[in-house]
Amino acid sequence: MREGSPQIVTFGETMALFMPEEHKAIERASKLEQGFGGAESNVAIGLARLGASVGWFGALGNDPFGKLILKTLRGEGVDVSRANLSGEAPTGMMFREHVAGRLAVHYFRKHSAASRMRPEDLDEDYIRGAKLLHITGITTALSDSCRSTVRRAIDVAKEAGVQISFDPNLRLKLWSIEEARETLLPLIQEADYFLPGWDELKLLYQTDDYKEVKAKLAELKAISVVKGMGDSTIVLNKGEETSVPFYPAEQVVDTVGAGDGFCAGFLAGLMKGMSPVDAVRLASINGSLVVQMRGDWEALPEWEVVEQRMSAKAWVER
């Protein structure tokens, strides 16, 4: 690591978020709660709360939403020194609601500041100085220039010996599965840690045969962490397969952000020197705690809380 760079660097789009109170439909709600969310910034907050050194960057509008996002991330201990407030394009927005018992998300992110990110916007030395670069497939779906930016960031990381973590985070509202395959499958080849969900793998590899998918993953150099295999996570590491049971949640309030919480836990575990399997155990605890509160990142736990669960310390209420 070089001076000035955190252990982990990530980047992408973070959007202003609006949702009705008490899981109502938007058209029947008189009030909307304001917040923000983005896969990469959610992970960054989760990492910071677990004690990792982490930086997030991306383009936001020079508007109240962008300023709120930057101030909050900074207050959470995330380095945002390389983030940019654009005067030429706005912060993206998303609206979330429950319709017929299912979650629905509406994006207003076309032509957002983040969608205009270009390779020349990267501070390459900032990436070179990190231990790990975390990226998701969402950023590549935003625009051709974002795709090129991700590609350049990966090249910079590889040239500098920085490890790469890749979460496909398929968002088929942003592009077709055919476009996703064309872009994401080559990027997977570059990763040191690949963090897909089982449903995502079925779509990417066009099969629901686990043996076929496992054979594909065995061709990768990455350690693969497959989420959502029944009630377990599968770790595939150099031909060795380990199944890690989900950590039980006492109650499930909101599943949004669970994957980002899992990812943050896994990467934090690696930074603490844990094996991939032990890091998945930490990740499972982190994800289980996230689903017990509402919000994208608000429920992400502090290290002390996760450590108690890991060591099976008794809870004491006063």
C-alpha atoms as a PDB file:
ATOM      1  CA  MET A   1       0.000   0.000   0.000  1.00  0.00           C
ATOM      2  CA  ARG A   2       1.162   3.521  -0.786  1.00  0.00           C
ATOM      3  CA  GLU A   3       0.656   6.384   1.589  1.00  0.00           C
ATOM      4  CA  GLY A   4      -2.662   8.057   0.850  1.00  0.00           C
ATOM      5  CA  SER A   5      -4.488   4.951  -0.323  1.00  0.00           C
ATOM      6  CA  PRO A   6      -6.795   2.849   1.866  1.00  0.00           C
ATOM      7  CA  GLN A   7      -6.674  -0.943   2.001  1.00  0.00           C
ATOM      8  CA  ILE A   8      -9.738  -1.299  -0.220  1.00  0.00           C
ATOM      9  CA  VAL A   9     -10.878   0.977  -3.031  1.00  0.00           C
ATOM     10  CA  THR A  10     -14.274   0.768  -4.711  1.00  0.00           C
ATOM     11  CA  PHE A  11     -16.277   2.992  -7.039  1.00  0.00           C
ATOM     12  CA  GLY A  12     -19.630   3.257  -8.769  1.00  0.00           C
ATOM     13  CA  GLU A  13     -22.934   5.088  -8.732  1.00  0.00           C
ATOM     14  CA  THR A  14     -24.691   6.066  -5.527  1.00  0.00           C
ATOM     15  CA  MET A  15     -28.209   7.463  -5.893  1.00  0.00           C
ATOM     16  CA  ALA A  16     -30.662   9.432  -3.842  1.00  0.00           C
ATOM     17  CA  LEU A  17     -33.342   7.029  -2.566  1.00  0.00           C
ATOM     18  CA  PHE A  18     -36.996   7.734  -1.866  1.00  0.00           C
ATOM     19  CA  MET A  19     -39.479   5.240  -0.448  1.00  0.00           C
ATOM     20  CA  PRO A  20     -42.886   5.351   1.255  1.00  0.00           C
ATOM     21  CA  GLU A  21     -43.228   4.746   4.947  1.00  0.00           C
ATOM     22  CA  GLU A  22     -44.430   1.371   6.209  1.00  0.00           C
ATOM     23  CA  HIS A  23     -43.982  -0.518   2.933  1.00  0.00           C
ATOM     24  CA  LYS A  24     -46.771   1.314   1.081  1.00  0.00           C
ATOM     25  CA  ALA A  25     -47.082   1.704  -2.682  1.00  0.00           C
ATOM     26  CA  ILE A  26     -45.844   5.074  -3.941  1.00  0.00           C
ATOM     27  CA  GLU A  27     -49.166   6.022  -5.530  1.00  0.00           C
ATOM     28  CA  ARG A  28     -50.903   5.519  -2.184  1.00  0.00           C
ATOM     29  CA  ALA A  29     -48.296   7.259  -0.036  1.00  0.00           C
ATOM     30  CA  SER A  30     -48.528  10.841   1.145  1.00  0.00           C
ATOM     31  CA  LYS A  31     -44.903  10.957   2.333  1.00  0.00           C
ATOM     32  CA  LEU A  32     -41.581   9.603   1.061  1.00  0.00           C
ATOM     33  CA  GLU A  33     -38.525   8.924   3.205  1.00  0.00           C
ATOM     34  CA  GLN A  34     -35.256  10.217   1.792  1.00  0.00           C
ATOM     35  CA  GLY A  35     -31.983   8.312   1.886  1.00  0.00           C
ATOM     36  CA  PHE A  36     -29.416   7.018  -0.553  1.00  0.00           C
ATOM     37  CA  GLY A  37     -28.046   3.745  -1.786  1.00  0.00           C
ATOM     38  CA  GLY A  38     -25.532   2.183  -4.115  1.00  0.00           C
ATOM     39  CA  ALA A  39     -23.951  -1.262  -4.021  1.00  0.00           C
ATOM     40  CA  GLU A  40     -20.376  -0.025  -3.827  1.00  0.00           C
ATOM     41  CA  SER A  41     -20.960   2.715  -1.258  1.00  0.00           C
ATOM     42  CA  ASN A  42     -23.042   0.299   0.830  1.00  0.00           C
ATOM     43  CA  VAL A  43     -20.073  -2.075   0.853  1.00  0.00           C
ATOM     44  CA  ALA A  44     -17.732   0.795   1.712  1.00  0.00           C
ATOM     45  CA  ILE A  45     -19.825   1.797   4.733  1.00  0.00           C
ATOM     46  CA  GLY A  46     -20.017  -1.832   5.826  1.00  0.00           C
ATOM     47  CA  LEU A  47     -16.248  -2.169   5.596  1.00  0.00           C
ATOM     48  CA  ALA A  48     -15.617   1.019   7.530  1.00  0.00           C
ATOM     49  CA  ARG A  49     -17.930  -0.109  10.327  1.00  0.00           C
ATOM     50  CA  LEU A  50     -16.009  -3.379  10.513  1.00  0.00           C
ATOM     51  CA  GLY A  51     -12.741  -1.523  10.957  1.00  0.00           C
ATOM     52  CA  ALA A  52     -11.344  -1.742   7.432  1.00  0.00           C
ATOM     53  CA  SER A  53      -9.612   1.139   5.690  1.00  0.00           C
ATOM     54  CA  VAL A  54     -11.757   1.886   2.620  1.00  0.00           C
ATOM     55  CA  GLY A  55     -12.250   4.532  -0.032  1.00  0.00           C
ATOM     56  CA  TRP A  56     -15.168   5.110  -2.391  1.00  0.00           C
ATOM     57  CA  PHE A  57     -15.226   7.369  -5.405  1.00  0.00           C
ATOM     58  CA  GLY A  58     -17.681   8.184  -8.140  1.00  0.00           C
ATOM     59  CA  ALA A  59     -19.380  11.122  -9.789  1.00  0.00           C
ATOM     60  CA  LEU A  60     -22.315  12.812  -8.089  1.00  0.00           C
ATOM     61  CA  GLY A  61     -24.273  15.885  -9.016  1.00  0.00           C
ATOM     62  CA  ASN A  62     -23.318  19.156  -7.372  1.00  0.00           C
ATOM     63  CA  ASP A  63     -26.772  19.195  -5.829  1.00  0.00           C
ATOM     64  CA  PRO A  64     -28.240  18.589  -2.369  1.00  0.00           C
ATOM     65  CA  PHE A  65     -28.389  14.834  -2.951  1.00  0.00           C
ATOM     66  CA  GLY A  66     -24.744  14.525  -3.972  1.00  0.00           C
ATOM     67  CA  LYS A  67     -23.625  16.686  -1.055  1.00  0.00           C
ATOM     68  CA  LEU A  68     -25.675  14.618   1.400  1.00  0.00           C
ATOM     69  CA  ILE A  69     -24.143  11.399   0.088  1.00  0.00           C
ATOM     70  CA  LEU A  70     -20.569  12.701   0.362  1.00  0.00           C
ATOM     71  CA  LYS A  71     -21.066  14.102   3.855  1.00  0.00           C
ATOM     72  CA  THR A  72     -22.635  10.888   5.109  1.00  0.00           C
ATOM     73  CA  LEU A  73     -19.957   8.628   3.624  1.00  0.00           C
ATOM     74  CA  ARG A  74     -17.245  10.840   5.084  1.00  0.00           C
ATOM     75  CA  GLY A  75     -18.964  10.738   8.453  1.00  0.00           C
ATOM     76  CA  GLU A  76     -19.033   6.933   8.290  1.00  0.00           C
ATOM     77  CA  GLY A  77     -15.249   6.851   7.961  1.00  0.00           C
ATOM     78  CA  VAL A  78     -15.102   6.238   4.201  1.00  0.00           C
ATOM     79  CA  ASP A  79     -12.412   8.139   2.286  1.00  0.00           C
ATOM     80  CA  VAL A  80     -14.210  10.180  -0.404  1.00  0.00           C
ATOM     81  CA  SER A  81     -11.232  12.327  -1.374  1.00  0.00           C
ATOM     82  CA  ARG A  82     -11.402  11.118  -4.986  1.00  0.00           C
ATOM     83  CA  ALA A  83     -15.159  11.561  -5.417  1.00  0.00           C
ATOM     84  CA  ASN A  84     -16.372  14.303  -7.738  1.00  0.00           C
ATOM     85  CA  LEU A  85     -19.333  16.678  -7.625  1.00  0.00           C
ATOM     86  CA  SER A  86     -20.319  17.480 -11.210  1.00  0.00           C
ATOM     87  CA  GLY A  87     -21.932  20.731 -12.234  1.00  0.00           C
ATOM     88  CA  GLU A  88     -22.926  19.260 -15.596  1.00  0.00           C
ATOM     89  CA  ALA A  89     -25.164  16.343 -14.592  1.00  0.00           C
ATOM     90  CA  PRO A  90     -27.344  15.404 -11.603  1.00  0.00           C
ATOM     91  CA  THR A  91     -27.144  12.728  -8.952  1.00  0.00           C
ATOM     92  CA  GLY A  92     -29.177   9.695 -10.016  1.00  0.00           C
ATOM     93  CA  MET A  93     -32.358   8.815  -8.153  1.00  0.00           C
ATOM     94  CA  MET A  94     -34.270   5.656  -7.343  1.00  0.00           C
ATOM     95  CA  PHE A  95     -37.696   5.080  -5.866  1.00  0.00           C
ATOM     96  CA  ARG A  96     -38.530   1.888  -4.017  1.00  0.00           C
ATOM     97  CA  GLU A  97     -41.951   0.512  -3.104  1.00  0.00           C
ATOM     98  CA  HIS A  98     -43.787  -2.700  -2.295  1.00  0.00           C
ATOM     99  CA  VAL A  99     -46.332  -3.812  -4.867  1.00  0.00           C
ATOM    100  CA  ALA A 100     -48.430  -6.925  -4.261  1.00  0.00           C
ATOM    101  CA  GLY A 101     -46.002  -7.987  -1.552  1.00  0.00           C
ATOM    102  CA  ARG A 102     -42.933  -7.681  -3.770  1.00  0.00           C
ATOM    103  CA  LEU A 103     -40.218  -5.071  -3.909  1.00  0.00           C
ATOM    104  CA  ALA A 104     -40.222  -2.777  -6.947  1.00  0.00           C
ATOM    105  CA  VAL A 105     -37.483  -0.285  -7.832  1.00  0.00           C
ATOM    106  CA  HIS A 106     -37.796   2.606 -10.274  1.00  0.00           C
ATOM    107  CA  TYR A 107     -34.571   4.181 -11.557  1.00  0.00           C
ATOM    108  CA  PHE A 108     -34.007   7.742 -12.740  1.00  0.00           C
ATOM    109  CA  ARG A 109     -30.323   7.456 -13.531  1.00  0.00           C
ATOM    110  CA  LYS A 110     -30.014   7.953 -17.300  1.00  0.00           C
ATOM    111  CA  HIS A 111     -27.599  10.815 -18.038  1.00  0.00           C
ATOM    112  CA  SER A 112     -26.653  11.012 -14.353  1.00  0.00           C
ATOM    113  CA  ALA A 113     -23.237  12.292 -13.326  1.00  0.00           C
ATOM    114  CA  ALA A 114     -22.086   8.743 -12.589  1.00  0.00           C
ATOM    115  CA  SER A 115     -23.083   7.498 -16.040  1.00  0.00           C
ATOM    116  CA  ARG A 116     -20.572   9.961 -17.497  1.00  0.00           C
ATOM    117  CA  MET A 117     -17.533   8.541 -15.688  1.00  0.00           C
ATOM    118  CA  ARG A 118     -14.536   8.117 -18.018  1.00  0.00           C
ATOM    119  CA  PRO A 119     -11.175   6.340 -17.696  1.00  0.00           C
ATOM    120  CA  GLU A 120      -9.363   9.680 -17.520  1.00  0.00           C
ATOM    121  CA  ASP A 121     -11.330  10.491 -14.349  1.00  0.00           C
ATOM    122  CA  LEU A 122      -9.493   7.755 -12.451  1.00  0.00           C
ATOM    123  CA  ASP A 123      -6.745   8.569  -9.969  1.00  0.00           C
ATOM    124  CA  GLU A 124      -4.649   5.600 -10.979  1.00  0.00           C
ATOM    125  CA  ASP A 125      -2.118   6.006  -8.172  1.00  0.00           C
ATOM    126  CA  TYR A 126      -4.977   5.785  -5.668  1.00  0.00           C
ATOM    127  CA  ILE A 127      -5.872   2.357  -7.078  1.00  0.00           C
ATOM    128  CA  ARG A 128      -2.229   1.262  -7.296  1.00  0.00           C
ATOM    129  CA  GLY A 129      -1.751   2.019  -3.609  1.00  0.00           C
ATOM    130  CA  ALA A 130      -4.594  -0.203  -2.386  1.00  0.00           C
ATOM    131  CA  LYS A 131      -4.491  -3.883  -1.439  1.00  0.00           C
ATOM    132  CA  LEU A 132      -7.796  -4.686  -3.140  1.00  0.00           C
ATOM    133  CA  LEU A 133     -10.080  -3.135  -5.758  1.00  0.00           C
ATOM    134  CA  HIS A 134     -13.776  -4.027  -5.419  1.00  0.00           C
ATOM    135  CA  ILE A 135     -16.006  -3.600  -8.455  1.00  0.00           C
ATOM    136  CA  THR A 136     -19.520  -4.640  -9.449  1.00  0.00           C
ATOM    137  CA  GLY A 137     -21.283  -5.327 -12.713  1.00  0.00           C
ATOM    138  CA  ILE A 138     -23.657  -2.433 -12.081  1.00  0.00           C
ATOM    139  CA  THR A 139     -21.083   0.185 -13.063  1.00  0.00           C
ATOM    140  CA  THR A 140     -20.420  -1.522 -16.384  1.00  0.00           C
ATOM    141  CA  ALA A 141     -24.151  -1.417 -17.181  1.00  0.00           C
ATOM    142  CA  LEU A 142     -24.428   2.369 -16.890  1.00  0.00           C
ATOM    143  CA  SER A 143     -22.759   3.415 -20.153  1.00  0.00           C
ATOM    144  CA  ASP A 144     -19.981   2.628 -22.600  1.00  0.00           C
ATOM    145  CA  SER A 145     -17.719   5.147 -20.852  1.00  0.00           C
ATOM    146  CA  CYS A 146     -18.375   3.497 -17.475  1.00  0.00           C
ATOM    147  CA  ARG A 147     -17.523   0.142 -19.003  1.00  0.00           C
ATOM    148  CA  SER A 148     -14.217   1.544 -20.243  1.00  0.00           C
ATOM    149  CA  THR A 149     -13.568   3.067 -16.815  1.00  0.00           C
ATOM    150  CA  VAL A 150     -14.031  -0.294 -15.086  1.00  0.00           C
ATOM    151  CA  ARG A 151     -11.797  -1.961 -17.659  1.00  0.00           C
ATOM    152  CA  ARG A 152      -9.047   0.597 -17.091  1.00  0.00           C
ATOM    153  CA  ALA A 153      -9.331   0.328 -13.311  1.00  0.00           C
ATOM    154  CA  ILE A 154      -8.895  -3.442 -13.569  1.00  0.00           C
ATOM    155  CA  ASP A 155      -5.846  -3.047 -15.820  1.00  0.00           C
ATOM    156  CA  VAL A 156      -4.280  -0.562 -13.383  1.00  0.00           C
ATOM    157  CA  ALA A 157      -4.922  -2.895 -10.452  1.00  0.00           C
ATOM    158  CA  LYS A 158      -3.479  -5.920 -12.220  1.00  0.00           C
ATOM    159  CA  GLU A 159      -0.358  -4.056 -13.315  1.00  0.00           C
ATOM    160  CA  ALA A 160       0.230  -2.992  -9.693  1.00  0.00           C
ATOM    161  CA  GLY A 161      -0.468  -6.394  -8.137  1.00  0.00           C
ATOM    162  CA  VAL A 162      -3.661  -5.169  -6.455  1.00  0.00           C
ATOM    163  CA  GLN A 163      -6.190  -7.931  -5.895  1.00  0.00           C
ATOM    164  CA  ILE A 164      -9.607  -7.657  -7.520  1.00  0.00           C
ATOM    165  CA  SER A 165     -12.957  -8.553  -6.004  1.00  0.00           C
ATOM    166  CA  PHE A 166     -15.900  -8.778  -8.412  1.00  0.00           C
ATOM    167  CA  ASP A 167     -19.610  -8.984  -7.580  1.00  0.00           C
ATOM    168  CA  PRO A 168     -21.691  -9.320 -10.790  1.00  0.00           C
ATOM    169  CA  ASN A 169     -24.734  -7.689  -9.161  1.00  0.00           C
ATOM    170  CA  LEU A 170     -26.944  -8.325 -12.183  1.00  0.00           C
ATOM    171  CA  ARG A 171     -29.460  -5.535 -12.775  1.00  0.00           C
ATOM    172  CA  LEU A 172     -31.538  -6.563 -15.764  1.00  0.00           C
ATOM    173  CA  LYS A 173     -33.461  -3.276 -15.645  1.00  0.00           C
ATOM    174  CA  LEU A 174     -30.250  -1.665 -16.877  1.00  0.00           C
ATOM    175  CA  TRP A 175     -29.390  -4.008 -19.740  1.00  0.00           C
ATOM    176  CA  SER A 176     -30.247  -7.358 -21.302  1.00  0.00           C
ATOM    177  CA  ILE A 177     -28.785 -10.633 -20.106  1.00  0.00           C
ATOM    178  CA  GLU A 178     -27.062 -10.971 -23.486  1.00  0.00           C
ATOM    179  CA  GLU A 179     -25.296  -7.633 -22.993  1.00  0.00           C
ATOM    180  CA  ALA A 180     -24.447  -8.593 -19.429  1.00  0.00           C
ATOM    181  CA  ARG A 181     -22.866 -11.881 -20.481  1.00  0.00           C
ATOM    182  CA  GLU A 182     -20.804 -10.195 -23.194  1.00  0.00           C
ATOM    183  CA  THR A 183     -19.383  -7.694 -20.723  1.00  0.00           C
ATOM    184  CA  LEU A 184     -19.220  -9.572 -17.421  1.00  0.00           C
ATOM    185  CA  LEU A 185     -17.866 -12.977 -18.432  1.00  0.00           C
ATOM    186  CA  PRO A 186     -14.504 -11.524 -19.571  1.00  0.00           C
ATOM    187  CA  LEU A 187     -14.269  -9.435 -16.387  1.00  0.00           C
ATOM    188  CA  ILE A 188     -14.815 -12.502 -14.227  1.00  0.00           C
ATOM    189  CA  GLN A 189     -11.622 -13.928 -15.714  1.00  0.00           C
ATOM    190  CA  GLU A 190      -9.649 -11.083 -14.128  1.00  0.00           C
ATOM    191  CA  ALA A 191     -10.945 -11.447 -10.567  1.00  0.00           C
ATOM    192  CA  ASP A 192      -9.129 -12.881  -7.568  1.00  0.00           C
ATOM    193  CA  TYR A 193     -12.416 -13.159  -5.647  1.00  0.00           C
ATOM    194  CA  PHE A 194     -15.710 -13.770  -7.460  1.00  0.00           C
ATOM    195  CA  LEU A 195     -18.883 -13.218  -5.421  1.00  0.00           C
ATOM    196  CA  PRO A 196     -21.946 -14.281  -7.435  1.00  0.00           C
ATOM    197  CA  GLY A 197     -25.357 -15.451  -6.339  1.00  0.00           C
ATOM    198  CA  TRP A 198     -26.526 -18.842  -7.555  1.00  0.00           C
ATOM    199  CA  ASP A 199     -29.380 -17.249  -9.508  1.00  0.00           C
ATOM    200  CA  GLU A 200     -26.898 -14.941 -11.235  1.00  0.00           C
ATOM    201  CA  LEU A 201     -24.683 -17.874 -12.221  1.00  0.00           C
ATOM    202  CA  LYS A 202     -27.618 -19.699 -13.782  1.00  0.00           C
ATOM    203  CA  LEU A 203     -28.288 -16.669 -15.960  1.00  0.00           C
ATOM    204  CA  LEU A 204     -24.662 -15.977 -16.840  1.00  0.00           C
ATOM    205  CA  TYR A 205     -23.800 -19.571 -17.724  1.00  0.00           C
ATOM    206  CA  GLN A 206     -27.237 -20.473 -19.143  1.00  0.00           C
ATOM    207  CA  THR A 207     -27.675 -23.625 -17.078  1.00  0.00           C
ATOM    208  CA  ASP A 208     -29.100 -24.684 -13.729  1.00  0.00           C
ATOM    209  CA  ASP A 209     -26.851 -27.759 -13.585  1.00  0.00           C
ATOM    210  CA  TYR A 210     -24.524 -27.188 -10.656  1.00  0.00           C
ATOM    211  CA  LYS A 211     -21.889 -29.573 -12.013  1.00  0.00           C
ATOM    212  CA  GLU A 212     -21.695 -27.570 -15.236  1.00  0.00           C
ATOM    213  CA  VAL A 213     -21.460 -24.278 -13.371  1.00  0.00           C
ATOM    214  CA  LYS A 214     -18.846 -25.676 -10.994  1.00  0.00           C
ATOM    215  CA  ALA A 215     -16.762 -26.770 -13.977  1.00  0.00           C
ATOM    216  CA  LYS A 216     -16.933 -23.237 -15.371  1.00  0.00           C
ATOM    217  CA  LEU A 217     -15.872 -21.767 -12.038  1.00  0.00           C
ATOM    218  CA  ALA A 218     -13.007 -24.240 -11.787  1.00  0.00           C
ATOM    219  CA  GLU A 219     -11.551 -22.666 -14.935  1.00  0.00           C
ATOM    220  CA  LEU A 220     -11.256 -19.304 -13.206  1.00  0.00           C
ATOM    221  CA  LYS A 221      -8.230 -18.181 -11.226  1.00  0.00           C
ATOM    222  CA  ALA A 222     -10.608 -16.647  -8.676  1.00  0.00           C
ATOM    223  CA  ILE A 223     -11.747 -18.038  -5.378  1.00  0.00           C
ATOM    224  CA  SER A 224     -15.508 -18.218  -5.982  1.00  0.00           C
ATOM    225  CA  VAL A 225     -18.044 -17.557  -3.232  1.00  0.00           C
ATOM    226  CA  VAL A 226     -21.478 -18.707  -4.421  1.00  0.00           C
ATOM    227  CA  LYS A 227     -24.313 -17.226  -2.380  1.00  0.00           C
ATOM    228  CA  GLY A 228     -27.783 -18.682  -2.125  1.00  0.00           C
ATOM    229  CA  MET A 229     -27.148 -22.377  -2.632  1.00  0.00           C
ATOM    230  CA  GLY A 230     -30.121 -23.518  -0.609  1.00  0.00           C
ATOM    231  CA  ASP A 231     -29.406 -22.335   2.919  1.00  0.00           C
ATOM    232  CA  SER A 232     -25.636 -22.256   2.434  1.00  0.00           C
ATOM    233  CA  THR A 233     -22.792 -20.413   0.732  1.00  0.00           C
ATOM    234  CA  ILE A 234     -20.340 -22.467  -1.293  1.00  0.00           C
ATOM    235  CA  VAL A 235     -16.636 -21.592  -1.344  1.00  0.00           C
ATOM    236  CA  LEU A 236     -14.682 -22.996  -4.290  1.00  0.00           C
ATOM    237  CA  ASN A 237     -10.934 -22.649  -3.817  1.00  0.00           C
ATOM    238  CA  LYS A 238      -8.456 -24.481  -6.044  1.00  0.00           C
ATOM    239  CA  GLY A 239     -10.716 -27.478  -6.507  1.00  0.00           C
ATOM    240  CA  GLU A 240     -11.777 -27.641  -2.863  1.00  0.00           C
ATOM    241  CA  GLU A 241     -15.458 -27.081  -2.089  1.00  0.00           C
ATOM    242  CA  THR A 242     -16.685 -25.935   1.332  1.00  0.00           C
ATOM    243  CA  SER A 243     -20.310 -25.349   2.304  1.00  0.00           C
ATOM    244  CA  VAL A 244     -20.921 -22.660   4.948  1.00  0.00           C
ATOM    245  CA  PRO A 245     -24.463 -22.581   6.427  1.00  0.00           C
ATOM    246  CA  PHE A 246     -26.288 -19.257   6.600  1.00  0.00           C
ATOM    247  CA  TYR A 247     -26.174 -17.582   9.973  1.00  0.00           C
ATOM    248  CA  PRO A 248     -29.797 -17.475  11.194  1.00  0.00           C
ATOM    249  CA  ALA A 249     -31.654 -14.178  11.460  1.00  0.00           C
ATOM    250  CA  GLU A 250     -34.026 -13.763  14.385  1.00  0.00           C
ATOM    251  CA  GLN A 251     -36.370 -11.764  12.156  1.00  0.00           C
ATOM    252  CA  VAL A 252     -36.377 -10.617   8.545  1.00  0.00           C
ATOM    253  CA  VAL A 253     -37.520  -7.024   8.081  1.00  0.00           C
ATOM    254  CA  ASP A 254     -35.879  -5.938   4.812  1.00  0.00           C
ATOM    255  CA  THR A 255     -33.628  -8.017   2.557  1.00  0.00           C
ATOM    256  CA  VAL A 256     -32.316  -4.991   0.621  1.00  0.00           C
ATOM    257  CA  GLY A 257     -28.606  -4.587   1.285  1.00  0.00           C
ATOM    258  CA  ALA A 258     -28.069  -8.152   2.492  1.00  0.00           C
ATOM    259  CA  GLY A 259     -25.742  -8.950  -0.402  1.00  0.00           C
ATOM    260  CA  ASP A 260     -23.735  -5.787   0.150  1.00  0.00           C
ATOM    261  CA  GLY A 261     -23.499  -6.584   3.859  1.00  0.00           C
ATOM    262  CA  PHE A 262     -22.276 -10.072   3.004  1.00  0.00           C
ATOM    263  CA  CYS A 263     -19.684  -8.663   0.614  1.00  0.00           C
ATOM    264  CA  ALA A 264     -18.459  -6.139   3.177  1.00  0.00           C
ATOM    265  CA  GLY A 265     -18.117  -8.882   5.770  1.00  0.00           C
ATOM    266  CA  PHE A 266     -16.182 -11.128   3.416  1.00  0.00           C
ATOM    267  CA  LEU A 267     -13.724  -8.441   2.349  1.00  0.00           C
ATOM    268  CA  ALA A 268     -13.278  -7.242   5.937  1.00  0.00           C
ATOM    269  CA  GLY A 269     -12.484 -10.810   6.948  1.00  0.00           C
ATOM    270  CA  LEU A 270      -9.809 -11.042   4.269  1.00  0.00           C
ATOM    271  CA  MET A 271      -8.278  -7.764   5.456  1.00  0.00           C
ATOM    272  CA  LYS A 272      -8.177  -9.200   8.993  1.00  0.00           C
ATOM    273  CA  GLY A 273      -6.166 -12.153   7.705  1.00  0.00           C
ATOM    274  CA  MET A 274      -8.968 -14.727   7.775  1.00  0.00           C
ATOM    275  CA  SER A 275      -9.128 -17.656   5.381  1.00  0.00           C
ATOM    276  CA  PRO A 276     -11.814 -17.350   2.667  1.00  0.00           C
ATOM    277  CA  VAL A 277     -14.018 -19.840   4.539  1.00  0.00           C
ATOM    278  CA  ASP A 278     -13.746 -17.960   7.837  1.00  0.00           C
ATOM    279  CA  ALA A 279     -14.342 -14.699   5.976  1.00  0.00           C
ATOM    280  CA  VAL A 280     -17.567 -16.200   4.601  1.00  0.00           C
ATOM    281  CA  ARG A 281     -18.642 -17.058   8.145  1.00  0.00           C
ATOM    282  CA  LEU A 282     -18.121 -13.438   9.125  1.00  0.00           C
ATOM    283  CA  ALA A 283     -19.963 -12.353   5.968  1.00  0.00           C
ATOM    284  CA  SER A 284     -22.927 -14.573   6.808  1.00  0.00           C
ATOM    285  CA  ILE A 285     -23.259 -12.991  10.253  1.00  0.00           C
ATOM    286  CA  ASN A 286     -23.012  -9.520   8.745  1.00  0.00           C
ATOM    287  CA  GLY A 287     -25.696 -10.271   6.160  1.00  0.00           C
ATOM    288  CA  SER A 288     -28.031 -11.783   8.738  1.00  0.00           C
ATOM    289  CA  LEU A 289     -27.837  -8.645  10.874  1.00  0.00           C
ATOM    290  CA  VAL A 290     -28.545  -6.364   7.908  1.00  0.00           C
ATOM    291  CA  VAL A 291     -31.891  -8.002   7.069  1.00  0.00           C
ATOM    292  CA  GLN A 292     -33.215  -7.360  10.573  1.00  0.00           C
ATOM    293  CA  MET A 293     -33.571  -3.608   9.991  1.00  0.00           C
ATOM    294  CA  ARG A 294     -34.870  -1.443   7.172  1.00  0.00           C
ATOM    295  CA  GLY A 295     -32.584   0.389   4.783  1.00  0.00           C
ATOM    296  CA  ASP A 296     -29.782  -0.114   2.273  1.00  0.00           C
ATOM    297  CA  TRP A 297     -26.864   0.490   4.652  1.00  0.00           C
ATOM    298  CA  GLU A 298     -28.284   1.804   7.897  1.00  0.00           C
ATOM    299  CA  ALA A 299     -28.393  -1.658   9.511  1.00  0.00           C
ATOM    300  CA  LEU A 300     -24.776  -2.548   8.701  1.00  0.00           C
ATOM    301  CA  PRO A 301     -23.243  -3.547  12.056  1.00  0.00           C
ATOM    302  CA  GLU A 302     -20.146  -2.349  13.846  1.00  0.00           C
ATOM    303  CA  TRP A 303     -17.261  -4.780  14.382  1.00  0.00           C
ATOM    304  CA  GLU A 304     -17.991  -5.212  18.084  1.00  0.00           C
ATOM    305  CA  VAL A 305     -21.475  -6.552  17.307  1.00  0.00           C
ATOM    306  CA  VAL A 306     -20.238  -9.032  14.714  1.00  0.00           C
ATOM    307  CA  GLU A 307     -17.359 -10.102  16.939  1.00  0.00           C
ATOM    308  CA  GLN A 308     -19.809 -10.954  19.705  1.00  0.00           C
ATOM    309  CA  ARG A 309     -21.729 -13.213  17.363  1.00  0.00           C
ATOM    310  CA  MET A 310     -18.567 -14.822  16.047  1.00  0.00           C
ATOM    311  CA  SER A 311     -17.345 -15.630  19.531  1.00  0.00           C
ATOM    312  CA  ALA A 312     -20.858 -16.631  20.661  1.00  0.00           C
ATOM    313  CA  LYS A 313     -20.742 -14.168  23.543  1.00  0.00           C
ATOM    314  CA  ALA A 314     -23.997 -13.833  25.377  1.00  0.00           C
ATOM    315  CA  TRP A 315     -26.059 -10.712  24.840  1.00  0.00           C
ATOM    316  CA  VAL A 316     -26.566  -8.678  27.978  1.00  0.00           C
ATOM    317  CA  GLU A 317     -29.453  -6.201  28.054  1.00  0.00           C
ATOM    318  CA  ARG A 318     -29.337  -3.427  30.614  1.00  0.00           C
END
